[in-house]
């Protein structure tokens, strides 16, 4: 499975961005799809998670009600809609998937910068 995230950029606080992750390879083997972010000087953290079996979602408390994770029926794209952005949302965002054999795959990150 290969992943490539894009859609980041510079936005003012209160604005919106939509991140996309292009997924290629053995998409049918994917069980879990996630977005992580890493802020400067901080550890990488899980922002949003989607279990494609049951279509259940989970979000970090800091983004609940503002971010939405979604995918397509054929799992060829993973999205993260980010609304009401805050300066503390600044960081590099990574798409990540785990397949049915528990192997994980990471994409290159995309930079999101929110100015105050």
C-alpha atoms as a PDB file:
ATOM      1  CA  UNK A   1       0.000   0.000   0.000  1.00  0.00           C
ATOM      2  CA  UNK A   2       1.330   3.438  -0.933  1.00  0.00           C
ATOM      3  CA  UNK A   3       0.070   6.702   0.506  1.00  0.00           C
ATOM      4  CA  UNK A   4       0.512  10.334  -0.513  1.00  0.00           C
ATOM      5  CA  UNK A   5      -1.039  13.173   1.452  1.00  0.00           C
ATOM      6  CA  UNK A   6      -1.652  16.636   0.060  1.00  0.00           C
ATOM      7  CA  UNK A   7      -3.868  19.658   0.663  1.00  0.00           C
ATOM      8  CA  UNK A   8      -1.979  21.393   3.443  1.00  0.00           C
ATOM      9  CA  UNK A   9      -1.163  25.067   3.437  1.00  0.00           C
ATOM     10  CA  UNK A  10      -1.297  28.331   5.308  1.00  0.00           C
ATOM     11  CA  UNK A  11      -4.675  29.423   6.637  1.00  0.00           C
ATOM     12  CA  UNK A  12      -5.915  31.990   9.126  1.00  0.00           C
ATOM     13  CA  UNK A  13      -7.460  30.934  12.407  1.00  0.00           C
ATOM     14  CA  UNK A  14     -11.124  30.097  11.904  1.00  0.00           C
ATOM     15  CA  UNK A  15     -10.545  28.916   8.367  1.00  0.00           C
ATOM     16  CA  UNK A  16     -10.870  25.473   6.797  1.00  0.00           C
ATOM     17  CA  UNK A  17      -8.707  23.016   4.906  1.00  0.00           C
ATOM     18  CA  UNK A  18      -9.397  19.628   3.384  1.00  0.00           C
ATOM     19  CA  UNK A  19      -6.550  17.138   3.397  1.00  0.00           C
ATOM     20  CA  UNK A  20      -6.541  14.274   0.931  1.00  0.00           C
ATOM     21  CA  UNK A  21      -4.528  11.073   0.888  1.00  0.00           C
ATOM     22  CA  UNK A  22      -4.148   9.126  -2.324  1.00  0.00           C
ATOM     23  CA  UNK A  23      -4.035   5.388  -1.630  1.00  0.00           C
ATOM     24  CA  UNK A  24      -2.732   2.825  -4.086  1.00  0.00           C
ATOM     25  CA  UNK A  25      -1.835  -0.852  -3.914  1.00  0.00           C
ATOM     26  CA  UNK A  26      -3.732  -3.511  -1.970  1.00  0.00           C
ATOM     27  CA  UNK A  27      -6.565  -1.283  -0.805  1.00  0.00           C
ATOM     28  CA  UNK A  28      -8.865  -4.206  -0.068  1.00  0.00           C
ATOM     29  CA  UNK A  29      -6.543  -5.313   2.722  1.00  0.00           C
ATOM     30  CA  UNK A  30      -6.953  -2.067   4.660  1.00  0.00           C
ATOM     31  CA  UNK A  31      -8.844  -2.200   7.955  1.00  0.00           C
ATOM     32  CA  UNK A  32      -8.003   1.023   9.751  1.00  0.00           C
ATOM     33  CA  UNK A  33      -7.377   4.455   8.289  1.00  0.00           C
ATOM     34  CA  UNK A  34      -6.002   7.331  10.341  1.00  0.00           C
ATOM     35  CA  UNK A  35      -4.676  10.858  10.301  1.00  0.00           C
ATOM     36  CA  UNK A  36      -1.814  11.788  12.621  1.00  0.00           C
ATOM     37  CA  UNK A  37      -0.119  15.103  13.145  1.00  0.00           C
ATOM     38  CA  UNK A  38       3.165  16.228  14.579  1.00  0.00           C
ATOM     39  CA  UNK A  39       3.598  19.739  15.912  1.00  0.00           C
ATOM     40  CA  UNK A  40       7.077  21.273  16.225  1.00  0.00           C
ATOM     41  CA  UNK A  41       8.862  19.837  19.246  1.00  0.00           C
ATOM     42  CA  UNK A  42       6.055  17.413  20.034  1.00  0.00           C
ATOM     43  CA  UNK A  43       5.375  13.744  19.514  1.00  0.00           C
ATOM     44  CA  UNK A  44       3.217  12.534  16.676  1.00  0.00           C
ATOM     45  CA  UNK A  45      -0.397  12.188  17.817  1.00  0.00           C
ATOM     46  CA  UNK A  46      -3.480  10.470  16.480  1.00  0.00           C
ATOM     47  CA  UNK A  47      -6.003  13.046  15.297  1.00  0.00           C
ATOM     48  CA  UNK A  48      -8.733  10.983  13.644  1.00  0.00           C
ATOM     49  CA  UNK A  49      -9.398   7.302  13.072  1.00  0.00           C
ATOM     50  CA  UNK A  50     -11.751   5.387  10.800  1.00  0.00           C
ATOM     51  CA  UNK A  51     -12.422   1.674  11.025  1.00  0.00           C
ATOM     52  CA  UNK A  52     -13.567   0.666   7.587  1.00  0.00           C
ATOM     53  CA  UNK A  53     -15.245  -2.551   8.765  1.00  0.00           C
ATOM     54  CA  UNK A  54     -17.880  -0.769  10.752  1.00  0.00           C
ATOM     55  CA  UNK A  55     -17.266   2.727   9.514  1.00  0.00           C
ATOM     56  CA  UNK A  56     -16.790   3.851  13.118  1.00  0.00           C
ATOM     57  CA  UNK A  57     -14.768   6.995  13.788  1.00  0.00           C
ATOM     58  CA  UNK A  58     -12.796   8.397  16.694  1.00  0.00           C
ATOM     59  CA  UNK A  59     -11.249  11.807  17.208  1.00  0.00           C
ATOM     60  CA  UNK A  60      -8.772  13.419  19.556  1.00  0.00           C
ATOM     61  CA  UNK A  61     -10.608  15.576  22.081  1.00  0.00           C
ATOM     62  CA  UNK A  62      -8.870  18.650  20.725  1.00  0.00           C
ATOM     63  CA  UNK A  63     -10.485  18.278  17.273  1.00  0.00           C
ATOM     64  CA  UNK A  64     -13.907  16.811  18.071  1.00  0.00           C
ATOM     65  CA  UNK A  65     -16.679  18.732  16.390  1.00  0.00           C
ATOM     66  CA  UNK A  66     -14.230  20.466  14.036  1.00  0.00           C
ATOM     67  CA  UNK A  67     -12.569  17.669  12.032  1.00  0.00           C
ATOM     68  CA  UNK A  68     -14.200  14.917   9.996  1.00  0.00           C
ATOM     69  CA  UNK A  69     -12.447  11.828   8.609  1.00  0.00           C
ATOM     70  CA  UNK A  70     -13.927  10.013   5.639  1.00  0.00           C
ATOM     71  CA  UNK A  71     -13.035   7.698   2.811  1.00  0.00           C
ATOM     72  CA  UNK A  72     -14.484   6.457  -0.453  1.00  0.00           C
ATOM     73  CA  UNK A  73     -16.208   3.128  -1.038  1.00  0.00           C
ATOM     74  CA  UNK A  74     -13.137   1.754  -2.780  1.00  0.00           C
ATOM     75  CA  UNK A  75     -10.690   3.269  -0.250  1.00  0.00           C
ATOM     76  CA  UNK A  76      -8.678   5.054  -2.903  1.00  0.00           C
ATOM     77  CA  UNK A  77      -8.855   8.338  -1.006  1.00  0.00           C
ATOM     78  CA  UNK A  78      -8.769   9.294   2.671  1.00  0.00           C
ATOM     79  CA  UNK A  79      -9.948  12.758   3.621  1.00  0.00           C
ATOM     80  CA  UNK A  80      -9.704  15.020   6.636  1.00  0.00           C
ATOM     81  CA  UNK A  81     -12.013  18.010   6.614  1.00  0.00           C
ATOM     82  CA  UNK A  82     -10.730  20.569   9.093  1.00  0.00           C
ATOM     83  CA  UNK A  83     -12.966  23.453  10.109  1.00  0.00           C
ATOM     84  CA  UNK A  84     -12.583  26.287  12.593  1.00  0.00           C
ATOM     85  CA  UNK A  85      -8.836  25.827  12.563  1.00  0.00           C
ATOM     86  CA  UNK A  86      -6.765  27.057  15.495  1.00  0.00           C
ATOM     87  CA  UNK A  87      -3.056  27.935  15.702  1.00  0.00           C
ATOM     88  CA  UNK A  88      -2.539  24.814  17.827  1.00  0.00           C
ATOM     89  CA  UNK A  89      -3.624  22.711  14.844  1.00  0.00           C
ATOM     90  CA  UNK A  90      -0.358  23.651  13.151  1.00  0.00           C
ATOM     91  CA  UNK A  91       1.828  20.694  12.281  1.00  0.00           C
ATOM     92  CA  UNK A  92       2.702  18.091   9.717  1.00  0.00           C
ATOM     93  CA  UNK A  93      -0.246  15.809   8.988  1.00  0.00           C
ATOM     94  CA  UNK A  94       0.288  12.188   7.977  1.00  0.00           C
ATOM     95  CA  UNK A  95      -2.120   9.630   6.611  1.00  0.00           C
ATOM     96  CA  UNK A  96      -1.696   6.116   7.957  1.00  0.00           C
ATOM     97  CA  UNK A  97      -3.374   2.771   7.352  1.00  0.00           C
ATOM     98  CA  UNK A  98      -3.183  -0.648   8.931  1.00  0.00           C
ATOM     99  CA  UNK A  99      -4.016  -3.765   6.963  1.00  0.00           C
ATOM    100  CA  UNK A 100      -5.640  -7.020   8.049  1.00  0.00           C
ATOM    101  CA  UNK A 101      -2.186  -8.469   8.846  1.00  0.00           C
ATOM    102  CA  UNK A 102      -1.510  -5.541  11.198  1.00  0.00           C
ATOM    103  CA  UNK A 103       1.109  -4.079   8.889  1.00  0.00           C
ATOM    104  CA  UNK A 104       1.167  -0.289   8.959  1.00  0.00           C
ATOM    105  CA  UNK A 105       1.810   2.124   6.128  1.00  0.00           C
ATOM    106  CA  UNK A 106       2.653   5.823   6.304  1.00  0.00           C
ATOM    107  CA  UNK A 107       2.459   8.537   3.713  1.00  0.00           C
ATOM    108  CA  UNK A 108       4.611  11.609   3.431  1.00  0.00           C
ATOM    109  CA  UNK A 109       3.263  14.406   5.534  1.00  0.00           C
ATOM    110  CA  UNK A 110       1.665  17.632   4.441  1.00  0.00           C
ATOM    111  CA  UNK A 111       2.298  20.868   6.345  1.00  0.00           C
ATOM    112  CA  UNK A 112      -0.626  22.751   7.884  1.00  0.00           C
ATOM    113  CA  UNK A 113       0.072  26.185   9.317  1.00  0.00           C
ATOM    114  CA  UNK A 114      -2.649  28.166  11.066  1.00  0.00           C
ATOM    115  CA  UNK A 115      -1.894  31.819  11.720  1.00  0.00           C
ATOM    116  CA  UNK A 116      -3.494  33.753  14.555  1.00  0.00           C
END
